[in-house]
PDB file of N, CA and C in Angstrom:
ATOM      1  N   MET A   1     277.462 274.059 117.356  1.00  0.00           N
ATOM      2  CA  MET A   1     277.702 275.470 116.393  1.00  0.00           C
ATOM      3  C   MET A   1     276.446 274.979 115.622  1.00  0.00           C
ATOM      4  N   PRO A   2     276.724 277.340 115.476  1.00  0.00           N
ATOM      5  CA  PRO A   2     275.575 277.180 114.510  1.00  0.00           C
ATOM      6  C   PRO A   2     275.374 276.954 113.206  1.00  0.00           C
ATOM      7  N   PRO A   3     274.604 276.730 112.744  1.00  0.00           N
ATOM      8  CA  PRO A   3     274.051 276.207 111.154  1.00  0.00           C
ATOM      9  C   PRO A   3     275.875 276.133 109.908  1.00  0.00           C
ATOM     10  N   LYS A   4     275.637 275.496 109.098  1.00  0.00           N
ATOM     11  CA  LYS A   4     276.402 275.717 108.116  1.00  0.00           C
ATOM     12  C   LYS A   4     276.650 277.121 107.382  1.00  0.00           C
ATOM     13  N   LYS A   5     277.606 277.569 107.079  1.00  0.00           N
ATOM     14  CA  LYS A   5     277.556 279.271 106.869  1.00  0.00           C
ATOM     15  C   LYS A   5     278.568 278.921 105.191  1.00  0.00           C
ATOM     16  N   PRO A   6     278.370 279.614 104.052  1.00  0.00           N
ATOM     17  CA  PRO A   6     278.303 279.688 102.573  1.00  0.00           C
ATOM     18  C   PRO A   6     280.187 279.428 103.177  1.00  0.00           C
ATOM     19  N   GLU A   7     280.531 280.410 103.992  1.00  0.00           N
ATOM     20  CA  GLU A   7     282.461 280.917 103.388  1.00  0.00           C
ATOM     21  C   GLU A   7     282.736 278.933 104.095  1.00  0.00           C
ATOM     22  N   ASP A   8     281.970 278.018 105.371  1.00  0.00           N
ATOM     23  CA  ASP A   8     282.133 276.869 105.542  1.00  0.00           C
ATOM     24  C   ASP A   8     282.226 275.858 104.530  1.00  0.00           C
ATOM     25  N   ILE A   9     280.883 276.078 104.039  1.00  0.00           N
ATOM     26  CA  ILE A   9     280.504 275.277 102.204  1.00  0.00           C
ATOM     27  C   ILE A   9     282.056 275.551 101.589  1.00  0.00           C
ATOM     28  N   GLN A  10     282.219 276.896 100.905  1.00  0.00           N
ATOM     29  CA  GLN A  10     282.816 276.984  99.948  1.00  0.00           C
ATOM     30  C   GLN A  10     284.841 276.318 100.875  1.00  0.00           C
ATOM     31  N   HIS A  11     284.917 276.827 102.134  1.00  0.00           N
ATOM     32  CA  HIS A  11     286.092 275.994 102.302  1.00  0.00           C
ATOM     33  C   HIS A  11     286.166 274.421 102.642  1.00  0.00           C
ATOM     34  N   MET A  12     285.147 273.882 101.925  1.00  0.00           N
ATOM     35  CA  MET A  12     285.504 272.505 102.122  1.00  0.00           C
ATOM     36  C   MET A  12     285.422 272.545 100.679  1.00  0.00           C
ATOM     37  N   VAL A  13     284.776 273.006 100.144  1.00  0.00           N
ATOM     38  CA  VAL A  13     285.339 272.767  97.761  1.00  0.00           C
ATOM     39  C   VAL A  13     286.328 273.459  97.975  1.00  0.00           C
ATOM     40  N   ASP A  14     287.222 273.906  98.455  1.00  0.00           N
ATOM     41  CA  ASP A  14     288.715 274.642  98.186  1.00  0.00           C
ATOM     42  C   ASP A  14     289.455 273.830  98.923  1.00  0.00           C
ATOM     43  N   MET A  15     289.299 272.680  99.787  1.00  0.00           N
ATOM     44  CA  MET A  15     289.928 271.555  99.984  1.00  0.00           C
ATOM     45  C   MET A  15     289.607 270.311  98.588  1.00  0.00           C
ATOM     46  N   LEU A  16     288.647 269.379  98.589  1.00  0.00           N
ATOM     47  CA  LEU A  16     288.447 269.204  97.904  1.00  0.00           C
ATOM     48  C   LEU A  16     289.807 270.075  96.097  1.00  0.00           C
ATOM     49  N   LYS A  17     289.592 271.059  96.565  1.00  0.00           N
ATOM     50  CA  LYS A  17     289.776 271.226  94.988  1.00  0.00           C
ATOM     51  C   LYS A  17     291.470 271.071  94.704  1.00  0.00           C
ATOM     52  N   GLN A  18     292.913 271.167  96.059  1.00  0.00           N
ATOM     53  CA  GLN A  18     293.483 270.774  96.629  1.00  0.00           C
ATOM     54  C   GLN A  18     294.131 269.387  96.607  1.00  0.00           C
ATOM     55  N   GLY A  19     293.001 268.341  96.393  1.00  0.00           N
ATOM     56  CA  GLY A  19     293.107 267.098  96.223  1.00  0.00           C
ATOM     57  C   GLY A  19     292.988 266.710  97.485  1.00  0.00           C
ATOM     58  N   ALA A  20     292.390 266.993  98.445  1.00  0.00           N
ATOM     59  CA  ALA A  20     291.166 266.467  99.890  1.00  0.00           C
ATOM     60  C   ALA A  20     290.731 265.559  99.164  1.00  0.00           C
ATOM     61  N   THR A  21     290.432 264.049 100.212  1.00  0.00           N
ATOM     62  CA  THR A  21     289.005 263.196  99.719  1.00  0.00           C
ATOM     63  C   THR A  21     287.774 262.914 101.042  1.00  0.00           C
ATOM     64  N   LEU A  22     286.894 263.273 100.974  1.00  0.00           N
ATOM     65  CA  LEU A  22     286.004 263.566 102.005  1.00  0.00           C
ATOM     66  C   LEU A  22     285.551 261.505 102.330  1.00  0.00           C
ATOM     67  N   THR A  23     285.830 261.816 103.860  1.00  0.00           N
ATOM     68  CA  THR A  23     285.618 261.083 104.311  1.00  0.00           C
ATOM     69  C   THR A  23     284.508 260.562 105.246  1.00  0.00           C
ATOM     70  N   GLU A  24     284.368 259.500 105.854  1.00  0.00           N
ATOM     71  CA  GLU A  24     282.517 259.220 105.855  1.00  0.00           C
ATOM     72  C   GLU A  24     283.322 259.433 107.766  1.00  0.00           C
ATOM     73  N   LEU A  25     284.292 259.824 108.035  1.00  0.00           N
ATOM     74  CA  LEU A  25     283.813 260.200 109.422  1.00  0.00           C
ATOM     75  C   LEU A  25     284.016 261.405 109.864  1.00  0.00           C
ATOM     76  N   ALA A  26     283.640 262.283 111.485  1.00  0.00           N
ATOM     77  CA  ALA A  26     282.983 263.274 111.679  1.00  0.00           C
ATOM     78  C   ALA A  26     283.415 264.269 112.468  1.00  0.00           C
ATOM     79  N   CYS A  27     283.334 265.438 112.753  1.00  0.00           N
ATOM     80  CA  CYS A  27     284.449 266.309 113.405  1.00  0.00           C
ATOM     81  C   CYS A  27     283.910 265.662 114.656  1.00  0.00           C
ATOM     82  N   PRO A  28     285.135 265.754 115.790  1.00  0.00           N
ATOM     83  CA  PRO A  28     284.359 265.725 117.505  1.00  0.00           C
ATOM     84  C   PRO A  28     284.089 266.812 118.140  1.00  0.00           C
ATOM     85  N   ALA A  29     284.153 268.151 116.956  1.00  0.00           N
ATOM     86  CA  ALA A  29     284.066 269.155 117.886  1.00  0.00           C
ATOM     87  C   ALA A  29     282.479 269.919 117.265  1.00  0.00           C
ATOM     88  N   CYS A  30     282.468 269.734 115.818  1.00  0.00           N
ATOM     89  CA  CYS A  30     280.589 269.949 115.530  1.00  0.00           C
ATOM     90  C   CYS A  30     280.502 269.038 114.733  1.00  0.00           C
ATOM     91  N   SER A  31     281.053 268.081 114.409  1.00  0.00           N
ATOM     92  CA  SER A  31     280.181 266.795 113.440  1.00  0.00           C
ATOM     93  C   SER A  31     280.386 266.845 111.747  1.00  0.00           C
ATOM     94  N   SER A  32     280.869 267.723 111.530  1.00  0.00           N
ATOM     95  CA  SER A  32     281.195 268.108 110.040  1.00  0.00           C
ATOM     96  C   SER A  32     281.806 267.346 109.315  1.00  0.00           C
ATOM     97  N   PRO A  33     281.719 266.836 108.207  1.00  0.00           N
ATOM     98  CA  PRO A  33     282.812 265.648 107.771  1.00  0.00           C
ATOM     99  C   PRO A  33     284.533 265.883 107.529  1.00  0.00           C
ATOM    100  N   LEU A  34     284.889 265.375 107.581  1.00  0.00           N
ATOM    101  CA  LEU A  34     286.211 265.231 108.226  1.00  0.00           C
ATOM    102  C   LEU A  34     287.214 265.126 106.327  1.00  0.00           C
ATOM    103  N   PHE A  35     287.913 265.516 106.145  1.00  0.00           N
ATOM    104  CA  PHE A  35     288.889 265.385 104.859  1.00  0.00           C
ATOM    105  C   PHE A  35     290.094 265.288 104.817  1.00  0.00           C
ATOM    106  N   ARG A  36     290.948 264.007 103.652  1.00  0.00           N
ATOM    107  CA  ARG A  36     292.141 263.432 104.211  1.00  0.00           C
ATOM    108  C   ARG A  36     292.874 263.891 102.705  1.00  0.00           C
ATOM    109  N   PHE A  37     294.145 264.817 103.576  1.00  0.00           N
ATOM    110  CA  PHE A  37     295.434 265.119 101.897  1.00  0.00           C
ATOM    111  C   PHE A  37     296.023 264.030 101.677  1.00  0.00           C
ATOM    112  N   LYS A  38     296.367 264.209 100.574  1.00  0.00           N
ATOM    113  CA  LYS A  38     297.932 263.003 100.173  1.00  0.00           C
ATOM    114  C   LYS A  38     298.926 262.567 101.602  1.00  0.00           C
ATOM    115  N   ASP A  39     298.931 264.279 102.405  1.00  0.00           N
ATOM    116  CA  ASP A  39     299.665 263.622 103.474  1.00  0.00           C
ATOM    117  C   ASP A  39     299.139 262.590 104.385  1.00  0.00           C
ATOM    118  N   ASP A  40     298.050 262.352 104.257  1.00  0.00           N
ATOM    119  CA  ASP A  40     297.237 261.213 105.320  1.00  0.00           C
ATOM    120  C   ASP A  40     296.533 261.873 106.912  1.00  0.00           C
ATOM    121  N   THR A  41     296.505 263.366 106.576  1.00  0.00           N
ATOM    122  CA  THR A  41     296.325 264.378 107.363  1.00  0.00           C
ATOM    123  C   THR A  41     294.937 264.275 107.211  1.00  0.00           C
ATOM    124  N   LEU A  42     293.603 264.079 108.204  1.00  0.00           N
ATOM    125  CA  LEU A  42     292.645 264.645 108.259  1.00  0.00           C
ATOM    126  C   LEU A  42     292.198 266.139 109.345  1.00  0.00           C
ATOM    127  N   TRP A  43     291.215 266.750 108.586  1.00  0.00           N
ATOM    128  CA  TRP A  43     291.182 268.526 108.637  1.00  0.00           C
ATOM    129  C   TRP A  43     289.565 268.619 108.634  1.00  0.00           C
ATOM    130  N   CYS A  44     289.632 269.311 109.574  1.00  0.00           N
ATOM    131  CA  CYS A  44     287.453 269.716 110.303  1.00  0.00           C
ATOM    132  C   CYS A  44     287.675 270.393 108.900  1.00  0.00           C
ATOM    133  N   GLY A  45     286.322 270.745 107.566  1.00  0.00           N
ATOM    134  CA  GLY A  45     286.413 272.062 106.590  1.00  0.00           C
ATOM    135  C   GLY A  45     285.800 272.860 107.458  1.00  0.00           C
ATOM    136  N   ARG A  46     284.634 272.878 108.530  1.00  0.00           N
ATOM    137  CA  ARG A  46     284.307 273.799 109.025  1.00  0.00           C
ATOM    138  C   ARG A  46     285.117 274.195 110.440  1.00  0.00           C
ATOM    139  N   CYS A  47     285.783 273.802 111.542  1.00  0.00           N
ATOM    140  CA  CYS A  47     286.741 274.384 112.348  1.00  0.00           C
ATOM    141  C   CYS A  47     287.945 274.516 111.574  1.00  0.00           C
ATOM    142  N   GLU A  48     288.639 273.678 110.175  1.00  0.00           N
ATOM    143  CA  GLU A  48     289.488 274.291 109.825  1.00  0.00           C
ATOM    144  C   GLU A  48     290.713 274.256 110.967  1.00  0.00           C
ATOM    145  N   LYS A  49     290.383 272.954 111.469  1.00  0.00           N
ATOM    146  CA  LYS A  49     291.690 272.480 112.169  1.00  0.00           C
ATOM    147  C   LYS A  49     292.148 271.075 112.066  1.00  0.00           C
ATOM    148  N   ARG A  50     293.237 270.143 112.583  1.00  0.00           N
ATOM    149  CA  ARG A  50     293.616 269.721 112.044  1.00  0.00           C
ATOM    150  C   ARG A  50     292.809 268.549 113.089  1.00  0.00           C
ATOM    151  N   VAL A  51     292.351 266.600 112.658  1.00  0.00           N
ATOM    152  CA  VAL A  51     292.173 266.110 113.677  1.00  0.00           C
ATOM    153  C   VAL A  51     292.518 264.683 113.514  1.00  0.00           C
ATOM    154  N   ILE A  52     293.060 264.210 114.778  1.00  0.00           N
ATOM    155  CA  ILE A  52     293.436 263.325 115.000  1.00  0.00           C
ATOM    156  C   ILE A  52     292.813 261.715 115.587  1.00  0.00           C
ATOM    157  N   VAL A  53     292.583 260.569 115.134  1.00  0.00           N
ATOM    158  CA  VAL A  53     291.523 260.116 114.971  1.00  0.00           C
ATOM    159  C   VAL A  53     292.380 259.213 115.762  1.00  0.00           C
ATOM    160  N   VAL A  54     292.022 258.364 117.258  1.00  0.00           N
ATOM    161  CA  VAL A  54     292.889 257.583 117.636  1.00  0.00           C
ATOM    162  C   VAL A  54     291.963 256.106 118.010  1.00  0.00           C
ATOM    163  N   LYS A  55     292.256 255.187 117.885  1.00  0.00           N
ATOM    164  CA  LYS A  55     292.076 253.914 117.917  1.00  0.00           C
ATOM    165  C   LYS A  55     291.891 253.109 119.228  1.00  0.00           C
ATOM    166  N   GLU A  56     291.328 252.839 119.659  1.00  0.00           N
ATOM    167  CA  GLU A  56     290.665 251.916 121.314  1.00  0.00           C
ATOM    168  C   GLU A  56     291.944 252.145 121.611  1.00  0.00           C
ATOM    169  N   ASP A  57     292.804 251.415 121.131  1.00  0.00           N
ATOM    170  CA  ASP A  57     294.271 250.705 121.645  1.00  0.00           C
ATOM    171  C   ASP A  57     295.320 250.816 121.952  1.00  0.00           C
ATOM    172  N   GLU A  58     294.891 252.141 121.157  1.00  0.00           N
ATOM    173  CA  GLU A  58     296.057 253.444 121.294  1.00  0.00           C
ATOM    174  C   GLU A  58     296.122 254.768 122.543  1.00  0.00           C
ATOM    175  N   ASP A  59     297.320 254.919 122.742  1.00  0.00           N
ATOM    176  CA  ASP A  59     297.180 256.218 123.746  1.00  0.00           C
ATOM    177  C   ASP A  59     297.364 257.503 123.184  1.00  0.00           C
ATOM    178  N   ALA A  60     296.469 258.110 123.564  1.00  0.00           N
ATOM    179  CA  ALA A  60     295.792 259.249 123.004  1.00  0.00           C
ATOM    180  C   ALA A  60     296.674 260.628 123.216  1.00  0.00           C
ATOM    181  N   GLU A  61     297.414 260.469 124.193  1.00  0.00           N
ATOM    182  CA  GLU A  61     298.531 261.347 124.560  1.00  0.00           C
ATOM    183  C   GLU A  61     299.567 261.277 123.963  1.00  0.00           C
ATOM    184  N   LYS A  62     300.274 259.627 123.403  1.00  0.00           N
ATOM    185  CA  LYS A  62     301.338 259.452 122.700  1.00  0.00           C
ATOM    186  C   LYS A  62     300.819 260.169 121.119  1.00  0.00           C
ATOM    187  N   ILE A  63     299.808 259.714 120.489  1.00  0.00           N
ATOM    188  CA  ILE A  63     299.453 260.288 119.113  1.00  0.00           C
ATOM    189  C   ILE A  63     299.726 262.030 119.361  1.00  0.00           C
ATOM    190  N   THR A  64     299.389 262.650 120.631  1.00  0.00           N
ATOM    191  CA  THR A  64     298.520 263.840 120.468  1.00  0.00           C
ATOM    192  C   THR A  64     300.233 264.315 120.133  1.00  0.00           C
ATOM    193  N   SER A  65     300.842 263.747 120.842  1.00  0.00           N
ATOM    194  CA  SER A  65     302.958 264.639 121.403  1.00  0.00           C
ATOM    195  C   SER A  65     303.308 264.141 120.083  1.00  0.00           C
ATOM    196  N   GLN A  66     303.777 262.739 119.690  1.00  0.00           N
ATOM    197  CA  GLN A  66     303.745 262.837 117.648  1.00  0.00           C
ATOM    198  C   GLN A  66     303.536 263.726 117.222  1.00  0.00           C
ATOM    199  N   ALA A  67     302.209 264.258 116.933  1.00  0.00           N
ATOM    200  CA  ALA A  67     301.873 265.738 116.376  1.00  0.00           C
ATOM    201  C   ALA A  67     302.400 266.446 116.867  1.00  0.00           C
ATOM    202  N   GLN A  68     302.497 266.998 117.649  1.00  0.00           N
ATOM    203  CA  GLN A  68     302.910 267.942 118.026  1.00  0.00           C
ATOM    204  C   GLN A  68     304.209 268.066 117.846  1.00  0.00           C
ATOM    205  N   LEU A  69     305.044 266.909 118.167  1.00  0.00           N
ATOM    206  CA  LEU A  69     306.210 267.215 117.528  1.00  0.00           C
ATOM    207  C   LEU A  69     306.653 267.496 115.933  1.00  0.00           C
ATOM    208  N   LYS A  70     305.719 266.491 115.337  1.00  0.00           N
ATOM    209  CA  LYS A  70     305.543 266.290 113.969  1.00  0.00           C
ATOM    210  C   LYS A  70     305.709 267.904 113.480  1.00  0.00           C
ATOM    211  N   ALA A  71     304.476 268.574 113.695  1.00  0.00           N
ATOM    212  CA  ALA A  71     304.354 269.749 113.756  1.00  0.00           C
ATOM    213  C   ALA A  71     305.789 271.448 113.865  1.00  0.00           C
ATOM    214  N   LEU A  72     306.447 270.474 115.068  1.00  0.00           N
ATOM    215  CA  LEU A  72     307.396 271.704 115.316  1.00  0.00           C
ATOM    216  C   LEU A  72     308.694 271.477 114.482  1.00  0.00           C
ATOM    217  N   GLU A  73     308.650 269.905 114.138  1.00  0.00           N
ATOM    218  CA  GLU A  73     309.825 269.362 112.940  1.00  0.00           C
ATOM    219  C   GLU A  73     309.872 270.638 111.842  1.00  0.00           C
ATOM    220  N   ASN A  74     308.599 270.273 111.239  1.00  0.00           N
ATOM    221  CA  ASN A  74     308.106 270.792 110.607  1.00  0.00           C
ATOM    222  C   ASN A  74     308.387 272.630 110.619  1.00  0.00           C
ATOM    223  N   THR A  75     307.815 272.948 111.241  1.00  0.00           N
ATOM    224  CA  THR A  75     308.467 274.432 111.404  1.00  0.00           C
ATOM    225  C   THR A  75     309.746 274.786 111.332  1.00  0.00           C
ATOM    226  N   ILE A  76     310.359 274.273 112.418  1.00  0.00           N
ATOM    227  CA  ILE A  76     312.084 274.138 112.390  1.00  0.00           C
ATOM    228  C   ILE A  76     312.403 274.414 110.604  1.00  0.00           C
ATOM    229  N   LEU A  77     312.299 273.479 109.885  1.00  0.00           N
ATOM    230  CA  LEU A  77     313.014 273.303 108.686  1.00  0.00           C
ATOM    231  C   LEU A  77     312.363 274.111 107.715  1.00  0.00           C
ATOM    232  N   SER A  78     310.978 274.533 108.065  1.00  0.00           N
ATOM    233  CA  SER A  78     311.157 276.305 106.891  1.00  0.00           C
ATOM    234  C   SER A  78     311.939 277.410 107.617  1.00  0.00           C
ATOM    235  N   LYS A  79     312.075 277.024 108.787  1.00  0.00           N
ATOM    236  CA  LYS A  79     312.467 278.282 109.179  1.00  0.00           C
ATOM    237  C   LYS A  79     314.461 278.153 108.736  1.00  0.00           C
ATOM    238  N   ILE A  80     314.924 276.761 108.955  1.00  0.00           N
ATOM    239  CA  ILE A  80     315.966 276.964 107.942  1.00  0.00           C
ATOM    240  C   ILE A  80     315.901 277.288 106.415  1.00  0.00           C
ATOM    241  N   LYS A  81     315.099 276.310 105.976  1.00  0.00           N
ATOM    242  CA  LYS A  81     315.224 277.065 104.320  1.00  0.00           C
ATOM    243  C   LYS A  81     315.226 278.828 104.254  1.00  0.00           C
ATOM    244  N   VAL A  82     314.531 279.207 105.450  1.00  0.00           N
ATOM    245  CA  VAL A  82     314.800 280.751 105.443  1.00  0.00           C
ATOM    246  C   VAL A  82     315.705 281.114 105.418  1.00  0.00           C
ATOM    247  N   VAL A  83     316.399 280.768 106.326  1.00  0.00           N
ATOM    248  CA  VAL A  83     318.103 281.167 106.720  1.00  0.00           C
ATOM    249  C   VAL A  83     318.844 281.012 105.831  1.00  0.00           C
ATOM    250  N   GLU A  84     318.243 279.502 105.093  1.00  0.00           N
ATOM    251  CA  GLU A  84     319.579 279.193 103.904  1.00  0.00           C
ATOM    252  C   GLU A  84     319.318 280.425 102.734  1.00  0.00           C
ATOM    253  N   GLU A  85     318.312 281.135 102.831  1.00  0.00           N
ATOM    254  CA  GLU A  85     318.404 281.708 101.413  1.00  0.00           C
ATOM    255  C   GLU A  85     318.539 283.305 101.856  1.00  0.00           C
ATOM    256  N   LYS A  86     318.646 283.393 103.281  1.00  0.00           N
ATOM    257  CA  LYS A  86     319.660 284.438 103.594  1.00  0.00           C
ATOM    258  C   LYS A  86     320.779 284.567 103.814  1.00  0.00           C
ATOM    259  N   ILE A  87     321.528 283.514 104.008  1.00  0.00           N
ATOM    260  CA  ILE A  87     322.683 282.877 103.830  1.00  0.00           C
ATOM    261  C   ILE A  87     323.489 283.262 102.367  1.00  0.00           C
ATOM    262  N   ARG A  88     322.796 282.478 101.845  1.00  0.00           N
ATOM    263  CA  ARG A  88     322.861 282.473 100.283  1.00  0.00           C
ATOM    264  C   ARG A  88     323.100 283.558  99.287  1.00  0.00           C
ATOM    265  N   LYS A  89     322.130 285.024 100.532  1.00  0.00           N
ATOM    266  CA  LYS A  89     322.607 286.424  99.612  1.00  0.00           C
ATOM    267  C   LYS A  89     323.043 287.198 100.420  1.00  0.00           C
ATOM    268  N   GLU A  90     323.330 286.862 101.693  1.00  0.00           N
ATOM    269  CA  GLU A  90     324.408 287.889 102.515  1.00  0.00           C
ATOM    270  C   GLU A  90     325.808 287.859 101.843  1.00  0.00           C
ATOM    271  N   GLU A  91     326.162 289.313 101.974  1.00  0.00           N
ATOM    272  CA  GLU A  91     327.846 289.170 101.472  1.00  0.00           C
ATOM    273  C   GLU A  91     328.338 289.703 103.548  1.00  0.00           C
ATOM    274  N   LYS A  92     328.190 290.001 104.081  1.00  0.00           N
ATOM    275  CA  LYS A  92     328.876 290.634 105.473  1.00  0.00           C
ATOM    276  C   LYS A  92     328.914 289.865 106.276  1.00  0.00           C
ATOM    277  N   VAL A  93     329.968 289.318 106.628  1.00  0.00           N
ATOM    278  CA  VAL A  93     330.742 288.891 107.508  1.00  0.00           C
ATOM    279  C   VAL A  93     330.293 288.593 109.199  1.00  0.00           C
ATOM    280  N   GLU A  94     330.253 289.955 109.199  1.00  0.00           N
ATOM    281  CA  GLU A  94     329.368 289.819 110.499  1.00  0.00           C
ATOM    282  C   GLU A  94     327.435 288.969 110.469  1.00  0.00           C
ATOM    283  N   ASP A  95     326.869 289.545 109.774  1.00  0.00           N
ATOM    284  CA  ASP A  95     325.660 289.596 109.413  1.00  0.00           C
ATOM    285  C   ASP A  95     325.680 287.782 109.043  1.00  0.00           C
ATOM    286  N   LEU A  96     327.039 287.003 108.328  1.00  0.00           N
ATOM    287  CA  LEU A  96     327.061 285.822 108.266  1.00  0.00           C
ATOM    288  C   LEU A  96     327.440 284.650 109.541  1.00  0.00           C
ATOM    289  N   GLN A  97     327.844 285.202 110.407  1.00  0.00           N
ATOM    290  CA  GLN A  97     327.852 285.093 111.523  1.00  0.00           C
ATOM    291  C   GLN A  97     326.892 284.430 112.652  1.00  0.00           C
ATOM    292  N   LYS A  98     325.562 286.025 112.036  1.00  0.00           N
ATOM    293  CA  LYS A  98     324.870 285.726 113.217  1.00  0.00           C
ATOM    294  C   LYS A  98     323.799 284.884 112.506  1.00  0.00           C
ATOM    295  N   LEU A  99     323.692 284.905 111.292  1.00  0.00           N
ATOM    296  CA  LEU A  99     322.700 283.739 110.335  1.00  0.00           C
ATOM    297  C   LEU A  99     322.933 282.312 110.562  1.00  0.00           C
ATOM    298  N   ASN A 100     324.468 281.836 111.169  1.00  0.00           N
ATOM    299  CA  ASN A 100     325.119 280.600 110.641  1.00  0.00           C
ATOM    300  C   ASN A 100     324.593 280.589 112.223  1.00  0.00           C
ATOM    301  N   ALA A 101     324.625 281.080 113.534  1.00  0.00           N
ATOM    302  CA  ALA A 101     324.650 280.580 115.022  1.00  0.00           C
ATOM    303  C   ALA A 101     322.971 280.266 115.182  1.00  0.00           C
ATOM    304  N   VAL A 102     321.727 281.351 114.154  1.00  0.00           N
ATOM    305  CA  VAL A 102     320.540 280.652 114.406  1.00  0.00           C
ATOM    306  C   VAL A 102     320.738 279.546 113.395  1.00  0.00           C
ATOM    307  N   LEU A 103     321.624 278.909 112.421  1.00  0.00           N
ATOM    308  CA  LEU A 103     321.159 277.992 111.886  1.00  0.00           C
ATOM    309  C   LEU A 103     321.766 276.555 112.779  1.00  0.00           C
ATOM    310  N   THR A 104     322.206 276.983 112.634  1.00  0.00           N
ATOM    311  CA  THR A 104     323.487 275.844 114.256  1.00  0.00           C
ATOM    312  C   THR A 104     322.343 276.161 115.226  1.00  0.00           C
ATOM    313  N   SER A 105     322.154 276.544 115.789  1.00  0.00           N
ATOM    314  CA  SER A 105     320.759 276.576 117.161  1.00  0.00           C
ATOM    315  C   SER A 105     319.427 275.526 116.317  1.00  0.00           C
ATOM    316  N   LEU A 106     318.322 275.940 114.962  1.00  0.00           N
ATOM    317  CA  LEU A 106     318.018 275.234 114.919  1.00  0.00           C
ATOM    318  C   LEU A 106     318.151 273.531 114.528  1.00  0.00           C
ATOM    319  N   LEU A 107     319.470 273.732 113.897  1.00  0.00           N
ATOM    320  CA  LEU A 107     320.178 272.289 113.838  1.00  0.00           C
ATOM    321  C   LEU A 107     319.775 271.333 114.830  1.00  0.00           C
ATOM    322  N   GLU A 108     320.328 271.981 115.764  1.00  0.00           N
ATOM    323  CA  GLU A 108     320.590 271.200 116.926  1.00  0.00           C
ATOM    324  C   GLU A 108     319.011 271.015 117.140  1.00  0.00           C
ATOM    325  N   ASN A 109     318.326 272.164 117.654  1.00  0.00           N
ATOM    326  CA  ASN A 109     317.337 271.809 117.874  1.00  0.00           C
ATOM    327  C   ASN A 109     316.036 270.215 116.845  1.00  0.00           C
ATOM    328  N   LEU A 110     316.132 270.358 115.001  1.00  0.00           N
ATOM    329  CA  LEU A 110     315.920 269.478 115.052  1.00  0.00           C
ATOM    330  C   LEU A 110     316.626 267.997 115.236  1.00  0.00           C
ATOM    331  N   GLU A 111     318.081 268.177 115.111  1.00  0.00           N
ATOM    332  CA  GLU A 111     318.283 266.515 116.094  1.00  0.00           C
ATOM    333  C   GLU A 111     318.025 266.032 117.803  1.00  0.00           C
ATOM    334  N   LYS A 112     317.386 267.609 118.622  1.00  0.00           N
ATOM    335  CA  LYS A 112     316.554 266.774 119.679  1.00  0.00           C
ATOM    336  C   LYS A 112     315.318 266.311 119.648  1.00  0.00           C
ATOM    337  N   LEU A 113     315.165 267.425 118.332  1.00  0.00           N
ATOM    338  CA  LEU A 113     313.548 265.969 117.478  1.00  0.00           C
ATOM    339  C   LEU A 113     313.895 264.758 117.583  1.00  0.00           C
ATOM    340  N   LYS A 114     314.052 264.873 116.651  1.00  0.00           N
ATOM    341  CA  LYS A 114     314.565 263.253 115.948  1.00  0.00           C
ATOM    342  C   LYS A 114     314.959 262.241 117.191  1.00  0.00           C
ATOM    343  N   GLN A 115     315.784 263.132 118.109  1.00  0.00           N
ATOM    344  CA  GLN A 115     315.429 261.846 119.715  1.00  0.00           C
ATOM    345  C   GLN A 115     314.881 261.510 119.717  1.00  0.00           C
ATOM    346  N   MET A 116     314.630 262.935 120.317  1.00  0.00           N
ATOM    347  CA  MET A 116     312.970 262.321 121.137  1.00  0.00           C
ATOM    348  C   MET A 116     311.723 261.716 119.839  1.00  0.00           C
ATOM    349  N   ASN A 117     311.592 261.427 118.763  1.00  0.00           N
ATOM    350  CA  ASN A 117     310.971 261.017 117.773  1.00  0.00           C
ATOM    351  C   ASN A 117     311.001 259.451 117.930  1.00  0.00           C
ATOM    352  N   GLU A 118     312.424 258.604 118.698  1.00  0.00           N
ATOM    353  CA  GLU A 118     312.799 257.846 118.493  1.00  0.00           C
ATOM    354  C   GLU A 118     312.585 256.317 119.215  1.00  0.00           C
TER     355      GLU A 118
END
């Protein structure tokens, strides 16, 4: 990667302001320092991507799959919140039925994800 740009440094500063801590680890893609957030996720300040550290005795594919499932679960949960807000405000029965169908589908998918994680 090219030398660090001012916006790379600013992004790293912003992550520190958000409560991230600088680690001794380096990004495998660009060798920039990694930052750990309170939720224990690691992020590269330069690539602006999440980094997953796999120990030698761990299965990289399994850990990557778990991270993808967790990200998908978070997406579904955020969509459930959006639908919940719309249901709260909606008064038309037809629109409520459509929103109910979407909510049901999201909840079913969330349950399937949780079963996959077990």
